[in-house]
Amino acid sequence: MTPVADLIGAVASLLWPLLVIVVLLVFGRQLLSKLRNSDDVTLEIGGQRLNLKQATDQQSDMITDLQREVALLKRQLDGVLPTPGTGVPGQSQGVTPPPDETGWASSERERRVSVPANLPILWVDDHPENNAMVTESWRREGAQVDTARSTAEAMRLLGSRRYGLVISDMGRHESGVDVPDAGLRLLAEVRAADAHLPFVLYGNVEPVSDVARAAGATLVTGSTFELVDFASKLGVLQGV
């Protein structure tokens, strides 16, 4: 084969990759937008099927939550560490000293008791796909995570095996009916059966935080970072 023929063959072999690159450069943003909002493109994560928008939204929420926790930690460190040139902690302009370890924050720490390692986690949510990213990451690290979509299903599972942690959302659609306080109802049933099983009310739960803590919730949070940290300290996660 002549050098010209070789050159033509080489150029021809590059045409498709070059065409793909050109299409991505010209139409990439529109294509990504279409894919992100399409219900036809699905992923299987943690045993749940998510469309691309759900997956990217969960990743975005987790990143935002982590950024918020890092910012909070930075503010706390700024309040504890000496300001350069002064030797006085927390005196830099605009820095708010960290709050005293009082109130519910200290009571949460008193509730945080260790449980035997390797016990499974029960996550109760009528939309388990909303938690697929977290549950899949835990399973990859060796944790066992069971899911339930209702209070009744959760109590059946709790009656069949021992768990190290229960996580519940607040409102659920159960048996064809909206139950806005489903998380509190589950908490009451769990506490009637076991006064010490760690129980986390997770999600948009701030409006009922005081009621949930008074009813025996171990942790009430909307932060994925705090949830993962709590589960890790309990010992139900391996290497997380």
C-alpha atoms as a PDB file:
ATOM      1  CA  MET A   1       0.000   0.000   0.000  1.00  0.00           C
ATOM      2  CA  THR A   2       1.334   3.416  -0.978  1.00  0.00           C
ATOM      3  CA  PRO A   3       2.027   6.174   1.553  1.00  0.00           C
ATOM      4  CA  VAL A   4      -0.932   8.140   0.142  1.00  0.00           C
ATOM      5  CA  ALA A   5      -3.223   5.170   0.633  1.00  0.00           C
ATOM      6  CA  ASP A   6      -1.873   4.723   4.158  1.00  0.00           C
ATOM      7  CA  LEU A   7      -2.594   8.402   4.873  1.00  0.00           C
ATOM      8  CA  ILE A   8      -6.131   8.144   3.495  1.00  0.00           C
ATOM      9  CA  GLY A   9      -6.732   5.027   5.609  1.00  0.00           C
ATOM     10  CA  ALA A  10      -5.437   6.759   8.729  1.00  0.00           C
ATOM     11  CA  VAL A  11      -7.593   9.828   8.124  1.00  0.00           C
ATOM     12  CA  ALA A  12     -10.634   7.633   7.483  1.00  0.00           C
ATOM     13  CA  SER A  13     -10.087   5.786  10.754  1.00  0.00           C
ATOM     14  CA  LEU A  14     -10.123   9.127  12.576  1.00  0.00           C
ATOM     15  CA  LEU A  15     -13.280  10.442  10.948  1.00  0.00           C
ATOM     16  CA  TRP A  16     -15.752   8.861  13.373  1.00  0.00           C
ATOM     17  CA  PRO A  17     -13.910   9.936  16.563  1.00  0.00           C
ATOM     18  CA  LEU A  18     -13.498  13.432  15.096  1.00  0.00           C
ATOM     19  CA  LEU A  19     -17.174  13.542  14.190  1.00  0.00           C
ATOM     20  CA  VAL A  20     -18.151  12.541  17.721  1.00  0.00           C
ATOM     21  CA  ILE A  21     -15.875  15.251  19.167  1.00  0.00           C
ATOM     22  CA  VAL A  22     -17.353  17.882  16.860  1.00  0.00           C
ATOM     23  CA  VAL A  23     -20.896  16.857  17.766  1.00  0.00           C
ATOM     24  CA  LEU A  24     -20.078  17.026  21.477  1.00  0.00           C
ATOM     25  CA  LEU A  25     -18.437  20.423  21.103  1.00  0.00           C
ATOM     26  CA  VAL A  26     -21.282  21.879  19.088  1.00  0.00           C
ATOM     27  CA  PHE A  27     -24.265  20.162  20.646  1.00  0.00           C
ATOM     28  CA  GLY A  28     -22.808  18.860  23.937  1.00  0.00           C
ATOM     29  CA  ARG A  29     -24.668  21.177  26.267  1.00  0.00           C
ATOM     30  CA  GLN A  30     -27.997  20.518  24.534  1.00  0.00           C
ATOM     31  CA  LEU A  31     -27.404  16.752  24.502  1.00  0.00           C
ATOM     32  CA  LEU A  32     -26.502  16.669  28.187  1.00  0.00           C
ATOM     33  CA  SER A  33     -29.562  18.733  29.003  1.00  0.00           C
ATOM     34  CA  LYS A  34     -31.766  16.353  27.019  1.00  0.00           C
ATOM     35  CA  LEU A  35     -30.212  13.298  28.686  1.00  0.00           C
ATOM     36  CA  ARG A  36     -30.468  14.803  32.151  1.00  0.00           C
ATOM     37  CA  ASN A  37     -34.173  15.470  31.737  1.00  0.00           C
ATOM     38  CA  SER A  38     -34.975  12.241  29.955  1.00  0.00           C
ATOM     39  CA  ASP A  39     -36.789   9.411  31.710  1.00  0.00           C
ATOM     40  CA  ASP A  40     -35.551   6.976  29.053  1.00  0.00           C
ATOM     41  CA  VAL A  41     -31.911   6.983  30.230  1.00  0.00           C
ATOM     42  CA  THR A  42     -31.836   4.984  33.458  1.00  0.00           C
ATOM     43  CA  LEU A  43     -29.150   3.662  35.780  1.00  0.00           C
ATOM     44  CA  GLU A  44     -29.368   0.844  38.314  1.00  0.00           C
ATOM     45  CA  ILE A  45     -27.839   1.947  41.618  1.00  0.00           C
ATOM     46  CA  GLY A  46     -28.206   0.074  44.877  1.00  0.00           C
ATOM     47  CA  GLY A  47     -30.884  -2.141  43.375  1.00  0.00           C
ATOM     48  CA  GLN A  48     -32.989   0.893  42.414  1.00  0.00           C
ATOM     49  CA  ARG A  49     -33.578   2.272  38.927  1.00  0.00           C
ATOM     50  CA  LEU A  50     -32.882   5.991  38.603  1.00  0.00           C
ATOM     51  CA  ASN A  51     -33.034   8.228  35.587  1.00  0.00           C
ATOM     52  CA  LEU A  52     -30.020  10.403  34.912  1.00  0.00           C
ATOM     53  CA  LYS A  53     -31.655  13.463  36.458  1.00  0.00           C
ATOM     54  CA  GLN A  54     -32.332  11.655  39.740  1.00  0.00           C
ATOM     55  CA  ALA A  55     -28.757  10.371  39.898  1.00  0.00           C
ATOM     56  CA  THR A  56     -27.171  13.753  39.208  1.00  0.00           C
ATOM     57  CA  ASP A  57     -29.560  15.492  41.608  1.00  0.00           C
ATOM     58  CA  GLN A  58     -28.567  13.109  44.412  1.00  0.00           C
ATOM     59  CA  GLN A  59     -24.883  13.654  43.693  1.00  0.00           C
ATOM     60  CA  SER A  60     -25.425  17.409  43.659  1.00  0.00           C
ATOM     61  CA  ASP A  61     -27.285  17.289  46.981  1.00  0.00           C
ATOM     62  CA  MET A  62     -24.505  15.226  48.571  1.00  0.00           C
ATOM     63  CA  ILE A  63     -21.823  17.625  47.318  1.00  0.00           C
ATOM     64  CA  THR A  64     -23.786  20.640  48.557  1.00  0.00           C
ATOM     65  CA  ASP A  65     -24.267  19.005  51.943  1.00  0.00           C
ATOM     66  CA  LEU A  66     -20.550  18.224  52.209  1.00  0.00           C
ATOM     67  CA  GLN A  67     -19.652  21.797  51.284  1.00  0.00           C
ATOM     68  CA  ARG A  68     -22.011  23.087  53.966  1.00  0.00           C
ATOM     69  CA  GLU A  69     -20.445  20.826  56.607  1.00  0.00           C
ATOM     70  CA  VAL A  70     -16.914  21.871  55.606  1.00  0.00           C
ATOM     71  CA  ALA A  71     -17.921  25.534  55.812  1.00  0.00           C
ATOM     72  CA  LEU A  72     -19.381  24.950  59.285  1.00  0.00           C
ATOM     73  CA  LEU A  73     -16.222  23.182  60.397  1.00  0.00           C
ATOM     74  CA  LYS A  74     -14.118  26.064  59.079  1.00  0.00           C
ATOM     75  CA  ARG A  75     -16.199  28.592  61.039  1.00  0.00           C
ATOM     76  CA  GLN A  76     -15.781  26.502  64.178  1.00  0.00           C
ATOM     77  CA  LEU A  77     -12.025  26.247  63.664  1.00  0.00           C
ATOM     78  CA  ASP A  78     -11.827  29.985  63.053  1.00  0.00           C
ATOM     79  CA  GLY A  79     -13.526  30.488  66.383  1.00  0.00           C
ATOM     80  CA  VAL A  80     -11.143  28.147  68.224  1.00  0.00           C
ATOM     81  CA  LEU A  81      -7.773  28.821  66.604  1.00  0.00           C
ATOM     82  CA  PRO A  82      -5.892  32.043  67.436  1.00  0.00           C
ATOM     83  CA  THR A  83      -6.226  34.901  64.961  1.00  0.00           C
ATOM     84  CA  PRO A  84      -2.802  35.553  63.341  1.00  0.00           C
ATOM     85  CA  GLY A  85      -0.977  38.301  65.193  1.00  0.00           C
ATOM     86  CA  THR A  86      -3.304  38.374  68.198  1.00  0.00           C
ATOM     87  CA  GLY A  87      -3.171  34.990  69.865  1.00  0.00           C
ATOM     88  CA  VAL A  88      -6.834  35.446  70.760  1.00  0.00           C
ATOM     89  CA  PRO A  89      -9.250  32.771  69.491  1.00  0.00           C
ATOM     90  CA  GLY A  90     -12.284  33.842  67.496  1.00  0.00           C
ATOM     91  CA  GLN A  91     -11.456  37.542  67.294  1.00  0.00           C
ATOM     92  CA  SER A  92     -11.200  37.855  63.518  1.00  0.00           C
ATOM     93  CA  GLN A  93     -13.791  40.127  61.964  1.00  0.00           C
ATOM     94  CA  GLY A  94     -17.131  38.503  61.204  1.00  0.00           C
ATOM     95  CA  VAL A  95     -16.301  35.222  63.013  1.00  0.00           C
ATOM     96  CA  THR A  96     -18.971  33.801  65.292  1.00  0.00           C
ATOM     97  CA  PRO A  97     -17.592  31.691  68.148  1.00  0.00           C
ATOM     98  CA  PRO A  98     -18.775  28.086  68.153  1.00  0.00           C
ATOM     99  CA  PRO A  99     -21.874  27.460  70.263  1.00  0.00           C
ATOM    100  CA  ASP A 100     -21.561  25.972  73.719  1.00  0.00           C
ATOM    101  CA  GLU A 101     -21.936  22.208  73.948  1.00  0.00           C
ATOM    102  CA  THR A 102     -25.395  22.469  75.500  1.00  0.00           C
ATOM    103  CA  GLY A 103     -28.978  21.657  74.617  1.00  0.00           C
ATOM    104  CA  TRP A 104     -29.876  19.012  72.090  1.00  0.00           C
ATOM    105  CA  ALA A 105     -26.337  18.803  70.644  1.00  0.00           C
ATOM    106  CA  SER A 106     -24.933  17.368  73.870  1.00  0.00           C
ATOM    107  CA  SER A 107     -27.971  15.132  74.398  1.00  0.00           C
ATOM    108  CA  GLU A 108     -27.439  13.689  70.899  1.00  0.00           C
ATOM    109  CA  ARG A 109     -23.919  12.684  71.871  1.00  0.00           C
ATOM    110  CA  GLU A 110     -25.184  11.044  75.050  1.00  0.00           C
ATOM    111  CA  ARG A 111     -27.553   8.943  72.925  1.00  0.00           C
ATOM    112  CA  ARG A 112     -24.802   7.755  70.572  1.00  0.00           C
ATOM    113  CA  VAL A 113     -24.103   4.287  71.896  1.00  0.00           C
ATOM    114  CA  SER A 114     -22.063   1.714  70.029  1.00  0.00           C
ATOM    115  CA  VAL A 115     -23.773  -1.383  68.664  1.00  0.00           C
ATOM    116  CA  PRO A 116     -22.255  -4.741  67.716  1.00  0.00           C
ATOM    117  CA  ALA A 117     -20.423  -4.557  64.400  1.00  0.00           C
ATOM    118  CA  ASN A 118     -21.813  -6.035  61.196  1.00  0.00           C
ATOM    119  CA  LEU A 119     -25.469  -5.669  62.126  1.00  0.00           C
ATOM    120  CA  PRO A 120     -27.577  -4.675  59.109  1.00  0.00           C
ATOM    121  CA  ILE A 121     -29.204  -1.289  58.563  1.00  0.00           C
ATOM    122  CA  LEU A 122     -32.914  -0.892  57.898  1.00  0.00           C
ATOM    123  CA  TRP A 123     -33.825   2.132  55.746  1.00  0.00           C
ATOM    124  CA  VAL A 124     -37.536   2.934  55.581  1.00  0.00           C
ATOM    125  CA  ASP A 125     -38.697   5.171  52.735  1.00  0.00           C
ATOM    126  CA  ASP A 126     -41.535   4.829  50.253  1.00  0.00           C
ATOM    127  CA  HIS A 127     -39.127   6.126  47.594  1.00  0.00           C
ATOM    128  CA  PRO A 128     -35.911   4.121  48.201  1.00  0.00           C
ATOM    129  CA  GLU A 129     -34.491   5.436  44.928  1.00  0.00           C
ATOM    130  CA  ASN A 130     -34.008   8.781  46.713  1.00  0.00           C
ATOM    131  CA  ASN A 131     -31.329   7.165  48.861  1.00  0.00           C
ATOM    132  CA  ALA A 132     -29.758   4.903  46.230  1.00  0.00           C
ATOM    133  CA  MET A 133     -26.405   6.703  46.125  1.00  0.00           C
ATOM    134  CA  VAL A 134     -25.849   6.411  49.872  1.00  0.00           C
ATOM    135  CA  THR A 135     -27.082   2.841  50.229  1.00  0.00           C
ATOM    136  CA  GLU A 136     -24.966   1.673  47.298  1.00  0.00           C
ATOM    137  CA  SER A 137     -21.837   3.319  48.734  1.00  0.00           C
ATOM    138  CA  TRP A 138     -22.496   1.610  52.081  1.00  0.00           C
ATOM    139  CA  ARG A 139     -22.987  -1.769  50.446  1.00  0.00           C
ATOM    140  CA  ARG A 140     -19.736  -1.351  48.534  1.00  0.00           C
ATOM    141  CA  GLU A 141     -18.010  -0.854  51.882  1.00  0.00           C
ATOM    142  CA  GLY A 142     -19.452  -4.097  53.222  1.00  0.00           C
ATOM    143  CA  ALA A 143     -22.542  -2.879  55.072  1.00  0.00           C
ATOM    144  CA  GLN A 144     -25.856  -4.714  54.820  1.00  0.00           C
ATOM    145  CA  VAL A 145     -28.770  -2.420  53.982  1.00  0.00           C
ATOM    146  CA  ASP A 146     -32.377  -3.603  53.849  1.00  0.00           C
ATOM    147  CA  THR A 147     -35.122  -1.319  52.563  1.00  0.00           C
ATOM    148  CA  ALA A 148     -38.785  -1.068  53.506  1.00  0.00           C
ATOM    149  CA  ARG A 149     -41.452   1.120  51.931  1.00  0.00           C
ATOM    150  CA  SER A 150     -43.906   1.239  54.833  1.00  0.00           C
ATOM    151  CA  THR A 151     -44.160   1.061  58.607  1.00  0.00           C
ATOM    152  CA  ALA A 152     -45.827  -2.361  58.405  1.00  0.00           C
ATOM    153  CA  GLU A 153     -43.060  -3.763  56.195  1.00  0.00           C
ATOM    154  CA  ALA A 154     -40.412  -2.270  58.483  1.00  0.00           C
ATOM    155  CA  MET A 155     -41.937  -3.879  61.578  1.00  0.00           C
ATOM    156  CA  ARG A 156     -42.092  -7.258  59.801  1.00  0.00           C
ATOM    157  CA  LEU A 157     -38.384  -7.008  59.009  1.00  0.00           C
ATOM    158  CA  LEU A 158     -37.570  -5.887  62.551  1.00  0.00           C
ATOM    159  CA  GLY A 159     -39.415  -8.923  63.841  1.00  0.00           C
ATOM    160  CA  SER A 160     -37.456 -11.291  61.603  1.00  0.00           C
ATOM    161  CA  ARG A 161     -33.867 -10.182  62.244  1.00  0.00           C
ATOM    162  CA  ARG A 162     -31.731  -7.959  64.422  1.00  0.00           C
ATOM    163  CA  TYR A 163     -30.692  -4.524  63.129  1.00  0.00           C
ATOM    164  CA  GLY A 164     -28.039  -2.086  64.289  1.00  0.00           C
ATOM    165  CA  LEU A 165     -29.707   1.045  62.935  1.00  0.00           C
ATOM    166  CA  VAL A 166     -33.086   2.164  61.617  1.00  0.00           C
ATOM    167  CA  ILE A 167     -33.340   5.169  59.296  1.00  0.00           C
ATOM    168  CA  SER A 168     -36.737   6.586  58.384  1.00  0.00           C
ATOM    169  CA  ASP A 169     -38.117   9.427  56.356  1.00  0.00           C
ATOM    170  CA  MET A 170     -41.037  11.408  57.770  1.00  0.00           C
ATOM    171  CA  GLY A 171     -44.050  11.377  55.435  1.00  0.00           C
ATOM    172  CA  ARG A 172     -44.930   8.317  53.373  1.00  0.00           C
ATOM    173  CA  HIS A 173     -47.631   7.057  51.046  1.00  0.00           C
ATOM    174  CA  GLU A 174     -48.756   3.786  52.628  1.00  0.00           C
ATOM    175  CA  SER A 175     -51.614   1.496  51.554  1.00  0.00           C
ATOM    176  CA  GLY A 176     -52.901   4.145  49.175  1.00  0.00           C
ATOM    177  CA  VAL A 177     -53.017   6.851  51.834  1.00  0.00           C
ATOM    178  CA  ASP A 178     -50.681   9.766  52.564  1.00  0.00           C
ATOM    179  CA  VAL A 179     -49.334   9.472  56.112  1.00  0.00           C
ATOM    180  CA  PRO A 180     -47.484  12.722  56.909  1.00  0.00           C
ATOM    181  CA  ASP A 181     -46.305  11.503  60.342  1.00  0.00           C
ATOM    182  CA  ALA A 182     -45.311   7.968  59.282  1.00  0.00           C
ATOM    183  CA  GLY A 183     -41.787   8.427  60.632  1.00  0.00           C
ATOM    184  CA  LEU A 184     -43.074   9.310  64.109  1.00  0.00           C
ATOM    185  CA  ARG A 185     -45.511   6.392  64.022  1.00  0.00           C
ATOM    186  CA  LEU A 186     -42.692   4.006  63.165  1.00  0.00           C
ATOM    187  CA  LEU A 187     -40.540   5.529  65.906  1.00  0.00           C
ATOM    188  CA  ALA A 188     -43.296   4.903  68.473  1.00  0.00           C
ATOM    189  CA  GLU A 189     -43.619   1.249  67.407  1.00  0.00           C
ATOM    190  CA  VAL A 190     -39.862   0.720  67.424  1.00  0.00           C
ATOM    191  CA  ARG A 191     -39.504   2.266  70.879  1.00  0.00           C
ATOM    192  CA  ALA A 192     -42.343   0.115  72.214  1.00  0.00           C
ATOM    193  CA  ALA A 193     -40.375  -2.953  71.120  1.00  0.00           C
ATOM    194  CA  ASP A 194     -36.807  -1.739  71.756  1.00  0.00           C
ATOM    195  CA  ALA A 195     -35.841   1.280  73.839  1.00  0.00           C
ATOM    196  CA  HIS A 196     -32.217   1.300  72.694  1.00  0.00           C
ATOM    197  CA  LEU A 197     -32.157   0.526  68.956  1.00  0.00           C
ATOM    198  CA  PRO A 198     -30.550   3.566  67.227  1.00  0.00           C
ATOM    199  CA  PHE A 199     -33.209   5.367  65.216  1.00  0.00           C
ATOM    200  CA  VAL A 200     -32.566   8.226  62.778  1.00  0.00           C
ATOM    201  CA  LEU A 201     -35.326  10.420  61.408  1.00  0.00           C
ATOM    202  CA  TYR A 202     -33.832  11.701  58.164  1.00  0.00           C
ATOM    203  CA  GLY A 203     -34.876  14.193  55.499  1.00  0.00           C
ATOM    204  CA  ASN A 204     -37.060  17.262  55.773  1.00  0.00           C
ATOM    205  CA  VAL A 205     -37.615  16.713  59.491  1.00  0.00           C
ATOM    206  CA  GLU A 206     -36.669  20.010  61.138  1.00  0.00           C
ATOM    207  CA  PRO A 207     -40.318  20.976  61.893  1.00  0.00           C
ATOM    208  CA  VAL A 208     -40.734  17.857  64.061  1.00  0.00           C
ATOM    209  CA  SER A 209     -37.215  17.699  65.503  1.00  0.00           C
ATOM    210  CA  ASP A 210     -38.200  18.466  69.113  1.00  0.00           C
ATOM    211  CA  VAL A 211     -41.138  16.064  69.051  1.00  0.00           C
ATOM    212  CA  ALA A 212     -39.007  13.305  67.495  1.00  0.00           C
ATOM    213  CA  ARG A 213     -36.224  13.684  70.064  1.00  0.00           C
ATOM    214  CA  ALA A 214     -38.737  13.647  72.899  1.00  0.00           C
ATOM    215  CA  ALA A 215     -40.216  10.444  71.437  1.00  0.00           C
ATOM    216  CA  GLY A 216     -36.815   8.759  71.474  1.00  0.00           C
ATOM    217  CA  ALA A 217     -35.162   9.466  68.121  1.00  0.00           C
ATOM    218  CA  THR A 218     -31.424   9.020  68.428  1.00  0.00           C
ATOM    219  CA  LEU A 219     -30.708  11.535  65.679  1.00  0.00           C
ATOM    220  CA  VAL A 220     -32.887  13.939  63.706  1.00  0.00           C
ATOM    221  CA  THR A 221     -31.140  15.356  60.651  1.00  0.00           C
ATOM    222  CA  GLY A 222     -31.470  16.449  57.063  1.00  0.00           C
ATOM    223  CA  SER A 223     -27.720  16.174  56.486  1.00  0.00           C
ATOM    224  CA  THR A 224     -26.327  13.193  54.579  1.00  0.00           C
ATOM    225  CA  PHE A 225     -22.879  14.020  55.969  1.00  0.00           C
ATOM    226  CA  GLU A 226     -24.154  13.814  59.555  1.00  0.00           C
ATOM    227  CA  LEU A 227     -26.080  10.622  58.803  1.00  0.00           C
ATOM    228  CA  VAL A 228     -23.001   8.877  57.375  1.00  0.00           C
ATOM    229  CA  ASP A 229     -20.842  10.118  60.254  1.00  0.00           C
ATOM    230  CA  PHE A 230     -23.366   8.858  62.801  1.00  0.00           C
ATOM    231  CA  ALA A 231     -23.687   5.423  61.184  1.00  0.00           C
ATOM    232  CA  SER A 232     -19.913   5.115  60.945  1.00  0.00           C
ATOM    233  CA  LYS A 233     -19.450   5.934  64.634  1.00  0.00           C
ATOM    234  CA  LEU A 234     -22.088   3.368  65.564  1.00  0.00           C
ATOM    235  CA  GLY A 235     -19.954   0.685  63.945  1.00  0.00           C
ATOM    236  CA  VAL A 236     -22.555  -0.527  61.433  1.00  0.00           C
ATOM    237  CA  LEU A 237     -20.393   0.639  58.528  1.00  0.00           C
ATOM    238  CA  GLN A 238     -17.115  -1.002  57.594  1.00  0.00           C
ATOM    239  CA  GLY A 239     -14.457   1.412  56.355  1.00  0.00           C
ATOM    240  CA  VAL A 240     -16.835   4.289  55.616  1.00  0.00           C
END
